[in-house]
Amino acid sequence: MKKINCWEFKKCGRQPGGDKEEELGTCPASLEEAADGLNSGVNGGRSCWALAGTLCGNKVQGTFASKLANCLQCDFYQSVVREEGSEFVKARDILKRLQQKNGRD
């Protein structure tokens, strides 16, 4: 079974070339190459809860700390947790990888 990314699951249209990209901006999850492959996603597509500026409830969200509680209740997040099982990469590990790959050790 193909594992889908957040923009496919939520149909937000903020991925490059998406129908809402011009209106709402390109989603940082679709561009975050440092997160590529995490939780079997393309760029940050399956680790969006750890990335600032993603869309939730038709609103662009802020920092990781300010949005995490909502993300933990998200149907997409819960789906990724189930699908990845013991291979699920947690937020703290995602953030650590982003810091390392973006040169902020």
PDB file of N, CA and C in Angstrom:
ATOM      1  N   MET A   1       0.831  -1.194   0.000  1.00  0.00           N
ATOM      2  CA  MET A   1       0.000   0.000   0.000  1.00  0.00           C
ATOM      3  C   MET A   1       0.875   1.257   0.000  1.00  0.00           C
ATOM      4  N   LYS A   2       0.575   2.171  -0.891  1.00  0.00           N
ATOM      5  CA  LYS A   2       1.314   3.421  -0.975  1.00  0.00           C
ATOM      6  C   LYS A   2       0.983   4.292   0.235  1.00  0.00           C
ATOM      7  N   LYS A   3       2.003   4.820   0.853  1.00  0.00           N
ATOM      8  CA  LYS A   3       1.805   5.730   1.979  1.00  0.00           C
ATOM      9  C   LYS A   3       1.728   7.144   1.430  1.00  0.00           C
ATOM     10  N   ILE A   4       0.694   7.852   1.802  1.00  0.00           N
ATOM     11  CA  ILE A   4       0.469   9.175   1.235  1.00  0.00           C
ATOM     12  C   ILE A   4       0.974  10.275   2.167  1.00  0.00           C
ATOM     13  N   ASN A   5       1.263  11.416   1.573  1.00  0.00           N
ATOM     14  CA  ASN A   5       1.745  12.583   2.292  1.00  0.00           C
ATOM     15  C   ASN A   5       0.568  13.430   2.764  1.00  0.00           C
ATOM     16  N   CYS A   6       0.855  14.345   3.673  1.00  0.00           N
ATOM     17  CA  CYS A   6      -0.202  15.143   4.285  1.00  0.00           C
ATOM     18  C   CYS A   6      -1.032  15.910   3.255  1.00  0.00           C
ATOM     19  N   TRP A   7      -0.392  16.492   2.248  1.00  0.00           N
ATOM     20  CA  TRP A   7      -1.136  17.280   1.258  1.00  0.00           C
ATOM     21  C   TRP A   7      -2.071  16.405   0.427  1.00  0.00           C
ATOM     22  N   GLU A   8      -1.734  15.131   0.290  1.00  0.00           N
ATOM     23  CA  GLU A   8      -2.617  14.197  -0.417  1.00  0.00           C
ATOM     24  C   GLU A   8      -3.776  13.777   0.490  1.00  0.00           C
ATOM     25  N   PHE A   9      -3.474  13.514   1.733  1.00  0.00           N
ATOM     26  CA  PHE A   9      -4.470  13.074   2.710  1.00  0.00           C
ATOM     27  C   PHE A   9      -5.480  14.184   3.005  1.00  0.00           C
ATOM     28  N   LYS A  10      -4.965  15.381   3.255  1.00  0.00           N
ATOM     29  CA  LYS A  10      -5.819  16.516   3.633  1.00  0.00           C
ATOM     30  C   LYS A  10      -6.373  17.286   2.439  1.00  0.00           C
ATOM     31  N   LYS A  11      -5.783  17.049   1.271  1.00  0.00           N
ATOM     32  CA  LYS A  11      -6.220  17.741   0.050  1.00  0.00           C
ATOM     33  C   LYS A  11      -6.222  19.264   0.222  1.00  0.00           C
ATOM     34  N   CYS A  12      -5.143  19.777   0.808  1.00  0.00           N
ATOM     35  CA  CYS A  12      -5.036  21.210   1.094  1.00  0.00           C
ATOM     36  C   CYS A  12      -4.678  22.040  -0.124  1.00  0.00           C
ATOM     37  N   GLY A  13      -4.032  21.430  -1.125  1.00  0.00           N
ATOM     38  CA  GLY A  13      -3.672  22.149  -2.334  1.00  0.00           C
ATOM     39  C   GLY A  13      -2.472  23.069  -2.197  1.00  0.00           C
ATOM     40  N   ARG A  14      -1.691  22.947  -1.115  1.00  0.00           N
ATOM     41  CA  ARG A  14      -0.537  23.829  -0.906  1.00  0.00           C
ATOM     42  C   ARG A  14       0.778  23.238  -1.393  1.00  0.00           C
ATOM     43  N   GLN A  15       0.770  22.048  -1.957  1.00  0.00           N
ATOM     44  CA  GLN A  15       1.987  21.472  -2.507  1.00  0.00           C
ATOM     45  C   GLN A  15       2.349  22.221  -3.789  1.00  0.00           C
ATOM     46  N   PRO A  16       3.621  22.139  -4.233  1.00  0.00           N
ATOM     47  CA  PRO A  16       3.991  22.803  -5.482  1.00  0.00           C
ATOM     48  C   PRO A  16       3.057  22.395  -6.620  1.00  0.00           C
ATOM     49  N   GLY A  17       2.471  23.391  -7.247  1.00  0.00           N
ATOM     50  CA  GLY A  17       1.525  23.156  -8.330  1.00  0.00           C
ATOM     51  C   GLY A  17       0.101  22.921  -7.866  1.00  0.00           C
ATOM     52  N   GLY A  18      -0.126  22.946  -6.549  1.00  0.00           N
ATOM     53  CA  GLY A  18      -1.467  22.713  -6.008  1.00  0.00           C
ATOM     54  C   GLY A  18      -2.409  23.878  -6.263  1.00  0.00           C
ATOM     55  N   ASP A  19      -3.701  23.613  -6.208  1.00  0.00           N
ATOM     56  CA  ASP A  19      -4.695  24.636  -6.543  1.00  0.00           C
ATOM     57  C   ASP A  19      -4.821  25.753  -5.511  1.00  0.00           C
ATOM     58  N   LYS A  20      -4.256  25.601  -4.328  1.00  0.00           N
ATOM     59  CA  LYS A  20      -4.307  26.654  -3.301  1.00  0.00           C
ATOM     60  C   LYS A  20      -2.930  27.264  -3.031  1.00  0.00           C
ATOM     61  N   GLU A  21      -1.931  26.825  -3.788  1.00  0.00           N
ATOM     62  CA  GLU A  21      -0.563  27.288  -3.543  1.00  0.00           C
ATOM     63  C   GLU A  21      -0.446  28.804  -3.673  1.00  0.00           C
ATOM     64  N   GLU A  22      -1.025  29.376  -4.705  1.00  0.00           N
ATOM     65  CA  GLU A  22      -0.921  30.826  -4.903  1.00  0.00           C
ATOM     66  C   GLU A  22      -1.649  31.586  -3.795  1.00  0.00           C
ATOM     67  N   GLU A  23      -2.811  31.108  -3.413  1.00  0.00           N
ATOM     68  CA  GLU A  23      -3.627  31.776  -2.393  1.00  0.00           C
ATOM     69  C   GLU A  23      -3.034  31.660  -0.986  1.00  0.00           C
ATOM     70  N   LEU A  24      -2.587  30.447  -0.615  1.00  0.00           N
ATOM     71  CA  LEU A  24      -2.150  30.192   0.763  1.00  0.00           C
ATOM     72  C   LEU A  24      -0.644  30.018   0.913  1.00  0.00           C
ATOM     73  N   GLY A  25       0.079  29.987  -0.196  1.00  0.00           N
ATOM     74  CA  GLY A  25       1.526  29.769  -0.149  1.00  0.00           C
ATOM     75  C   GLY A  25       1.863  28.295  -0.212  1.00  0.00           C
ATOM     76  N   THR A  26       3.100  28.024  -0.545  1.00  0.00           N
ATOM     77  CA  THR A  26       3.561  26.637  -0.620  1.00  0.00           C
ATOM     78  C   THR A  26       3.793  26.114   0.782  1.00  0.00           C
ATOM     79  N   CYS A  27       3.291  24.939   1.042  1.00  0.00           N
ATOM     80  CA  CYS A  27       3.429  24.339   2.362  1.00  0.00           C
ATOM     81  C   CYS A  27       4.887  23.987   2.638  1.00  0.00           C
ATOM     82  N   PRO A  28       5.403  24.370   3.808  1.00  0.00           N
ATOM     83  CA  PRO A  28       6.780  24.026   4.148  1.00  0.00           C
ATOM     84  C   PRO A  28       7.026  22.516   4.204  1.00  0.00           C
ATOM     85  N   ALA A  29       6.012  21.734   4.518  1.00  0.00           N
ATOM     86  CA  ALA A  29       6.188  20.278   4.567  1.00  0.00           C
ATOM     87  C   ALA A  29       6.540  19.734   3.188  1.00  0.00           C
ATOM     88  N   SER A  30       5.968  20.312   2.151  1.00  0.00           N
ATOM     89  CA  SER A  30       6.223  19.815   0.801  1.00  0.00           C
ATOM     90  C   SER A  30       7.616  20.186   0.298  1.00  0.00           C
ATOM     91  N   LEU A  31       8.261  21.112   0.984  1.00  0.00           N
ATOM     92  CA  LEU A  31       9.581  21.587   0.560  1.00  0.00           C
ATOM     93  C   LEU A  31      10.730  21.139   1.465  1.00  0.00           C
ATOM     94  N   GLU A  32      10.435  20.641   2.645  1.00  0.00           N
ATOM     95  CA  GLU A  32      11.466  20.351   3.650  1.00  0.00           C
ATOM     96  C   GLU A  32      12.264  19.096   3.319  1.00  0.00           C
ATOM     97  N   GLU A  33      13.290  19.282   2.505  1.00  0.00           N
ATOM     98  CA  GLU A  33      14.113  18.164   2.045  1.00  0.00           C
ATOM     99  C   GLU A  33      14.848  17.461   3.178  1.00  0.00           C
ATOM    100  N   ALA A  34      15.144  18.160   4.266  1.00  0.00           N
ATOM    101  CA  ALA A  34      15.851  17.542   5.396  1.00  0.00           C
ATOM    102  C   ALA A  34      15.012  16.447   6.051  1.00  0.00           C
ATOM    103  N   ALA A  35      13.706  16.473   5.825  1.00  0.00           N
ATOM    104  CA  ALA A  35      12.817  15.463   6.408  1.00  0.00           C
ATOM    105  C   ALA A  35      12.456  14.360   5.410  1.00  0.00           C
ATOM    106  N   ASP A  36      13.053  14.405   4.232  1.00  0.00           N
ATOM    107  CA  ASP A  36      12.719  13.427   3.199  1.00  0.00           C
ATOM    108  C   ASP A  36      12.961  12.005   3.701  1.00  0.00           C
ATOM    109  N   GLY A  37      11.965  11.167   3.518  1.00  0.00           N
ATOM    110  CA  GLY A  37      12.061   9.767   3.913  1.00  0.00           C
ATOM    111  C   GLY A  37      11.581   9.477   5.325  1.00  0.00           C
ATOM    112  N   LEU A  38      11.491  10.487   6.166  1.00  0.00           N
ATOM    113  CA  LEU A  38      11.021  10.249   7.528  1.00  0.00           C
ATOM    114  C   LEU A  38       9.569   9.781   7.503  1.00  0.00           C
ATOM    115  N   ASN A  39       9.281   8.735   8.212  1.00  0.00           N
ATOM    116  CA  ASN A  39       7.949   8.134   8.244  1.00  0.00           C
ATOM    117  C   ASN A  39       7.448   7.802   6.841  1.00  0.00           C
ATOM    118  N   SER A  40       8.390   7.476   5.962  1.00  0.00           N
ATOM    119  CA  SER A  40       8.112   7.078   4.579  1.00  0.00           C
ATOM    120  C   SER A  40       7.513   8.199   3.739  1.00  0.00           C
ATOM    121  N   GLY A  41       7.817   9.434   4.079  1.00  0.00           N
ATOM    122  CA  GLY A  41       7.245  10.564   3.354  1.00  0.00           C
ATOM    123  C   GLY A  41       8.187  11.209   2.359  1.00  0.00           C
ATOM    124  N   VAL A  42       7.589  12.001   1.473  1.00  0.00           N
ATOM    125  CA  VAL A  42       8.343  12.829   0.543  1.00  0.00           C
ATOM    126  C   VAL A  42       8.563  14.168   1.228  1.00  0.00           C
ATOM    127  N   ASN A  43       9.829  14.583   1.318  1.00  0.00           N
ATOM    128  CA  ASN A  43      10.192  15.785   2.066  1.00  0.00           C
ATOM    129  C   ASN A  43       9.555  15.702   3.452  1.00  0.00           C
ATOM    130  N   GLY A  44       8.798  16.693   3.887  1.00  0.00           N
ATOM    131  CA  GLY A  44       8.181  16.644   5.220  1.00  0.00           C
ATOM    132  C   GLY A  44       6.742  16.176   5.199  1.00  0.00           C
ATOM    133  N   GLY A  45       6.362  15.459   4.165  1.00  0.00           N
ATOM    134  CA  GLY A  45       4.970  15.070   3.962  1.00  0.00           C
ATOM    135  C   GLY A  45       4.390  14.105   4.973  1.00  0.00           C
ATOM    136  N   ARG A  46       5.237  13.439   5.760  1.00  0.00           N
ATOM    137  CA  ARG A  46       4.731  12.555   6.801  1.00  0.00           C
ATOM    138  C   ARG A  46       5.394  12.897   8.145  1.00  0.00           C
ATOM    139  N   SER A  47       5.745  14.161   8.279  1.00  0.00           N
ATOM    140  CA  SER A  47       6.250  14.681   9.551  1.00  0.00           C
ATOM    141  C   SER A  47       5.836  16.143   9.713  1.00  0.00           C
ATOM    142  N   CYS A  48       4.701  16.484   9.148  1.00  0.00           N
ATOM    143  CA  CYS A  48       4.213  17.865   9.126  1.00  0.00           C
ATOM    144  C   CYS A  48       3.979  18.448  10.521  1.00  0.00           C
ATOM    145  N   TRP A  49       3.660  17.594  11.505  1.00  0.00           N
ATOM    146  CA  TRP A  49       3.401  18.064  12.867  1.00  0.00           C
ATOM    147  C   TRP A  49       4.631  18.701  13.502  1.00  0.00           C
ATOM    148  N   ALA A  50       5.813  18.415  12.980  1.00  0.00           N
ATOM    149  CA  ALA A  50       7.042  18.974  13.539  1.00  0.00           C
ATOM    150  C   ALA A  50       7.508  20.214  12.783  1.00  0.00           C
ATOM    151  N   LEU A  51       6.734  20.651  11.789  1.00  0.00           N
ATOM    152  CA  LEU A  51       7.135  21.758  10.932  1.00  0.00           C
ATOM    153  C   LEU A  51       6.210  22.957  11.107  1.00  0.00           C
ATOM    154  N   ALA A  52       6.784  24.125  11.248  1.00  0.00           N
ATOM    155  CA  ALA A  52       6.002  25.361  11.347  1.00  0.00           C
ATOM    156  C   ALA A  52       5.418  25.718   9.983  1.00  0.00           C
ATOM    157  N   GLY A  53       4.254  26.358   9.995  1.00  0.00           N
ATOM    158  CA  GLY A  53       3.670  26.883   8.771  1.00  0.00           C
ATOM    159  C   GLY A  53       2.800  25.939   7.981  1.00  0.00           C
ATOM    160  N   THR A  54       2.482  24.764   8.542  1.00  0.00           N
ATOM    161  CA  THR A  54       1.579  23.852   7.850  1.00  0.00           C
ATOM    162  C   THR A  54       0.137  24.290   8.088  1.00  0.00           C
ATOM    163  N   LEU A  55      -0.785  23.712   7.355  1.00  0.00           N
ATOM    164  CA  LEU A  55      -2.186  24.111   7.400  1.00  0.00           C
ATOM    165  C   LEU A  55      -2.994  23.172   8.284  1.00  0.00           C
ATOM    166  N   CYS A  56      -3.837  23.730   9.120  1.00  0.00           N
ATOM    167  CA  CYS A  56      -4.750  22.941   9.949  1.00  0.00           C
ATOM    168  C   CYS A  56      -6.019  23.753  10.145  1.00  0.00           C
ATOM    169  N   GLY A  57      -7.151  23.135   9.905  1.00  0.00           N
ATOM    170  CA  GLY A  57      -8.414  23.856  10.051  1.00  0.00           C
ATOM    171  C   GLY A  57      -8.492  25.082   9.169  1.00  0.00           C
ATOM    172  N   ASN A  58      -7.927  24.966   7.973  1.00  0.00           N
ATOM    173  CA  ASN A  58      -7.900  26.062   7.000  1.00  0.00           C
ATOM    174  C   ASN A  58      -7.127  27.284   7.465  1.00  0.00           C
ATOM    175  N   LYS A  59      -6.238  27.090   8.456  1.00  0.00           N
ATOM    176  CA  LYS A  59      -5.391  28.180   8.942  1.00  0.00           C
ATOM    177  C   LYS A  59      -3.941  27.720   8.934  1.00  0.00           C
ATOM    178  N   VAL A  60      -3.062  28.602   8.501  1.00  0.00           N
ATOM    179  CA  VAL A  60      -1.640  28.313   8.561  1.00  0.00           C
ATOM    180  C   VAL A  60      -1.227  28.343  10.023  1.00  0.00           C
ATOM    181  N   GLN A  61      -0.569  27.277  10.455  1.00  0.00           N
ATOM    182  CA  GLN A  61      -0.179  27.122  11.854  1.00  0.00           C
ATOM    183  C   GLN A  61       1.202  27.704  12.116  1.00  0.00           C
ATOM    184  N   GLY A  62       1.465  27.981  13.376  1.00  0.00           N
ATOM    185  CA  GLY A  62       2.738  28.570  13.781  1.00  0.00           C
ATOM    186  C   GLY A  62       3.779  27.533  14.129  1.00  0.00           C
ATOM    187  N   THR A  63       4.471  27.774  15.212  1.00  0.00           N
ATOM    188  CA  THR A  63       5.599  26.952  15.623  1.00  0.00           C
ATOM    189  C   THR A  63       5.166  25.561  16.059  1.00  0.00           C
ATOM    190  N   PHE A  64       6.136  24.674  16.092  1.00  0.00           N
ATOM    191  CA  PHE A  64       5.928  23.307  16.553  1.00  0.00           C
ATOM    192  C   PHE A  64       5.275  23.311  17.937  1.00  0.00           C
ATOM    193  N   ALA A  65       5.826  24.073  18.855  1.00  0.00           N
ATOM    194  CA  ALA A  65       5.332  24.082  20.233  1.00  0.00           C
ATOM    195  C   ALA A  65       3.885  24.553  20.323  1.00  0.00           C
ATOM    196  N   SER A  66       3.508  25.504  19.490  1.00  0.00           N
ATOM    197  CA  SER A  66       2.151  26.051  19.572  1.00  0.00           C
ATOM    198  C   SER A  66       1.105  25.174  18.901  1.00  0.00           C
ATOM    199  N   LYS A  67       1.518  24.258  18.051  1.00  0.00           N
ATOM    200  CA  LYS A  67       0.539  23.471  17.309  1.00  0.00           C
ATOM    201  C   LYS A  67       0.508  21.989  17.665  1.00  0.00           C
ATOM    202  N   LEU A  68       1.476  21.505  18.418  1.00  0.00           N
ATOM    203  CA  LEU A  68       1.608  20.071  18.652  1.00  0.00           C
ATOM    204  C   LEU A  68       0.359  19.445  19.264  1.00  0.00           C
ATOM    205  N   ALA A  69      -0.258  20.087  20.235  1.00  0.00           N
ATOM    206  CA  ALA A  69      -1.444  19.506  20.877  1.00  0.00           C
ATOM    207  C   ALA A  69      -2.537  19.223  19.845  1.00  0.00           C
ATOM    208  N   ASN A  70      -2.747  20.143  18.920  1.00  0.00           N
ATOM    209  CA  ASN A  70      -3.736  19.923  17.861  1.00  0.00           C
ATOM    210  C   ASN A  70      -3.304  18.802  16.935  1.00  0.00           C
ATOM    211  N   CYS A  71      -2.030  18.763  16.614  1.00  0.00           N
ATOM    212  CA  CYS A  71      -1.520  17.739  15.692  1.00  0.00           C
ATOM    213  C   CYS A  71      -1.686  16.332  16.255  1.00  0.00           C
ATOM    214  N   LEU A  72      -1.523  16.186  17.550  1.00  0.00           N
ATOM    215  CA  LEU A  72      -1.646  14.863  18.157  1.00  0.00           C
ATOM    216  C   LEU A  72      -3.064  14.302  18.017  1.00  0.00           C
ATOM    217  N   GLN A  73      -4.037  15.174  17.810  1.00  0.00           N
ATOM    218  CA  GLN A  73      -5.424  14.763  17.621  1.00  0.00           C
ATOM    219  C   GLN A  73      -5.794  14.590  16.149  1.00  0.00           C
ATOM    220  N   CYS A  74      -4.884  14.952  15.262  1.00  0.00           N
ATOM    221  CA  CYS A  74      -5.144  14.959  13.820  1.00  0.00           C
ATOM    222  C   CYS A  74      -5.294  13.544  13.264  1.00  0.00           C
ATOM    223  N   ASP A  75      -6.269  13.362  12.383  1.00  0.00           N
ATOM    224  CA  ASP A  75      -6.491  12.057  11.772  1.00  0.00           C
ATOM    225  C   ASP A  75      -5.312  11.620  10.905  1.00  0.00           C
ATOM    226  N   PHE A  76      -4.633  12.557  10.276  1.00  0.00           N
ATOM    227  CA  PHE A  76      -3.462  12.194   9.482  1.00  0.00           C
ATOM    228  C   PHE A  76      -2.320  11.731  10.383  1.00  0.00           C
ATOM    229  N   TYR A  77      -2.028  12.472  11.431  1.00  0.00           N
ATOM    230  CA  TYR A  77      -0.972  12.084  12.385  1.00  0.00           C
ATOM    231  C   TYR A  77      -1.244  10.681  12.917  1.00  0.00           C
ATOM    232  N   GLN A  78      -2.460  10.442  13.355  1.00  0.00           N
ATOM    233  CA  GLN A  78      -2.808   9.138  13.913  1.00  0.00           C
ATOM    234  C   GLN A  78      -2.669   8.026  12.867  1.00  0.00           C
ATOM    235  N   SER A  79      -2.981   8.329  11.633  1.00  0.00           N
ATOM    236  CA  SER A  79      -2.824   7.372  10.539  1.00  0.00           C
ATOM    237  C   SER A  79      -1.344   7.022  10.323  1.00  0.00           C
ATOM    238  N   VAL A  80      -0.475   8.030  10.364  1.00  0.00           N
ATOM    239  CA  VAL A  80       0.958   7.794  10.188  1.00  0.00           C
ATOM    240  C   VAL A  80       1.495   6.942  11.341  1.00  0.00           C
ATOM    241  N   VAL A  81       1.082   7.250  12.558  1.00  0.00           N
ATOM    242  CA  VAL A  81       1.514   6.460  13.719  1.00  0.00           C
ATOM    243  C   VAL A  81       1.143   4.990  13.509  1.00  0.00           C
ATOM    244  N   ARG A  82      -0.086   4.739  13.101  1.00  0.00           N
ATOM    245  CA  ARG A  82      -0.546   3.353  12.866  1.00  0.00           C
ATOM    246  C   ARG A  82       0.245   2.685  11.743  1.00  0.00           C
ATOM    247  N   GLU A  83       0.378   3.374  10.633  1.00  0.00           N
ATOM    248  CA  GLU A  83       1.045   2.794   9.468  1.00  0.00           C
ATOM    249  C   GLU A  83       2.522   2.506   9.716  1.00  0.00           C
ATOM    250  N   GLU A  84       3.194   3.374  10.435  1.00  0.00           N
ATOM    251  CA  GLU A  84       4.629   3.211  10.668  1.00  0.00           C
ATOM    252  C   GLU A  84       4.932   2.246  11.809  1.00  0.00           C
ATOM    253  N   GLY A  85       4.012   2.098  12.732  1.00  0.00           N
ATOM    254  CA  GLY A  85       4.216   1.175  13.848  1.00  0.00           C
ATOM    255  C   GLY A  85       5.506   1.455  14.598  1.00  0.00           C
ATOM    256  N   SER A  86       6.314   0.433  14.797  1.00  0.00           N
ATOM    257  CA  SER A  86       7.552   0.581  15.570  1.00  0.00           C
ATOM    258  C   SER A  86       8.599   1.426  14.844  1.00  0.00           C
ATOM    259  N   GLU A  87       8.409   1.680  13.557  1.00  0.00           N
ATOM    260  CA  GLU A  87       9.341   2.506  12.775  1.00  0.00           C
ATOM    261  C   GLU A  87       8.980   3.993  12.819  1.00  0.00           C
ATOM    262  N   PHE A  88       7.906   4.356  13.522  1.00  0.00           N
ATOM    263  CA  PHE A  88       7.449   5.748  13.596  1.00  0.00           C
ATOM    264  C   PHE A  88       8.549   6.643  14.159  1.00  0.00           C
ATOM    265  N   VAL A  89       8.848   7.724  13.448  1.00  0.00           N
ATOM    266  CA  VAL A  89       9.850   8.682  13.892  1.00  0.00           C
ATOM    267  C   VAL A  89       9.127   9.785  14.653  1.00  0.00           C
ATOM    268  N   LYS A  90       9.481   9.935  15.926  1.00  0.00           N
ATOM    269  CA  LYS A  90       8.820  10.895  16.810  1.00  0.00           C
ATOM    270  C   LYS A  90       9.287  12.318  16.538  1.00  0.00           C
ATOM    271  N   ALA A  91       8.480  13.276  17.001  1.00  0.00           N
ATOM    272  CA  ALA A  91       8.740  14.693  16.750  1.00  0.00           C
ATOM    273  C   ALA A  91      10.125  15.119  17.214  1.00  0.00           C
ATOM    274  N   ARG A  92      10.555  14.685  18.384  1.00  0.00           N
ATOM    275  CA  ARG A  92      11.878  15.121  18.879  1.00  0.00           C
ATOM    276  C   ARG A  92      12.986  14.653  17.942  1.00  0.00           C
ATOM    277  N   ASP A  93      12.819  13.465  17.362  1.00  0.00           N
ATOM    278  CA  ASP A  93      13.825  12.946  16.437  1.00  0.00           C
ATOM    279  C   ASP A  93      13.758  13.659  15.085  1.00  0.00           C
ATOM    280  N   ILE A  94      12.563  14.038  14.682  1.00  0.00           N
ATOM    281  CA  ILE A  94      12.403  14.824  13.450  1.00  0.00           C
ATOM    282  C   ILE A  94      13.094  16.169  13.621  1.00  0.00           C
ATOM    283  N   LEU A  95      12.827  16.836  14.731  1.00  0.00           N
ATOM    284  CA  LEU A  95      13.428  18.148  14.986  1.00  0.00           C
ATOM    285  C   LEU A  95      14.953  18.057  15.048  1.00  0.00           C
ATOM    286  N   LYS A  96      15.461  17.015  15.664  1.00  0.00           N
ATOM    287  CA  LYS A  96      16.907  16.808  15.752  1.00  0.00           C
ATOM    288  C   LYS A  96      17.509  16.663  14.356  1.00  0.00           C
ATOM    289  N   ARG A  97      16.866  15.865  13.517  1.00  0.00           N
ATOM    290  CA  ARG A  97      17.361  15.671  12.146  1.00  0.00           C
ATOM    291  C   ARG A  97      17.316  16.977  11.360  1.00  0.00           C
ATOM    292  N   LEU A  98      16.246  17.745  11.517  1.00  0.00           N
ATOM    293  CA  LEU A  98      16.142  19.020  10.806  1.00  0.00           C
ATOM    294  C   LEU A  98      17.267  19.961  11.219  1.00  0.00           C
ATOM    295  N   GLN A  99      17.550  20.008  12.506  1.00  0.00           N
ATOM    296  CA  GLN A  99      18.630  20.867  12.994  1.00  0.00           C
ATOM    297  C   GLN A  99      19.976  20.424  12.428  1.00  0.00           C
ATOM    298  N   GLN A 100      20.225  19.129  12.412  1.00  0.00           N
ATOM    299  CA  GLN A 100      21.494  18.599  11.896  1.00  0.00           C
ATOM    300  C   GLN A 100      21.630  18.863  10.406  1.00  0.00           C
ATOM    301  N   LYS A 101      20.608  18.558   9.647  1.00  0.00           N
ATOM    302  CA  LYS A 101      20.680  18.683   8.192  1.00  0.00           C
ATOM    303  C   LYS A 101      20.673  20.134   7.727  1.00  0.00           C
ATOM    304  N   ASN A 102      20.098  21.015   8.529  1.00  0.00           N
ATOM    305  CA  ASN A 102      20.062  22.431   8.157  1.00  0.00           C
ATOM    306  C   ASN A 102      21.198  23.206   8.813  1.00  0.00           C
ATOM    307  N   GLY A 103      22.173  22.478   9.380  1.00  0.00           N
ATOM    308  CA  GLY A 103      23.372  23.105   9.915  1.00  0.00           C
ATOM    309  C   GLY A 103      23.207  23.879  11.203  1.00  0.00           C
ATOM    310  N   ARG A 104      22.255  23.438  12.041  1.00  0.00           N
ATOM    311  CA  ARG A 104      22.025  24.139  13.309  1.00  0.00           C
ATOM    312  C   ARG A 104      22.265  23.184  14.466  1.00  0.00           C
ATOM    313  N   ASP A 105      23.415  22.559  14.508  1.00  0.00           N
ATOM    314  CA  ASP A 105      23.732  21.609  15.574  1.00  0.00           C
ATOM    315  C   ASP A 105      23.814  22.277  16.921  1.00  0.00           C
TER     316      ASP A 105
END
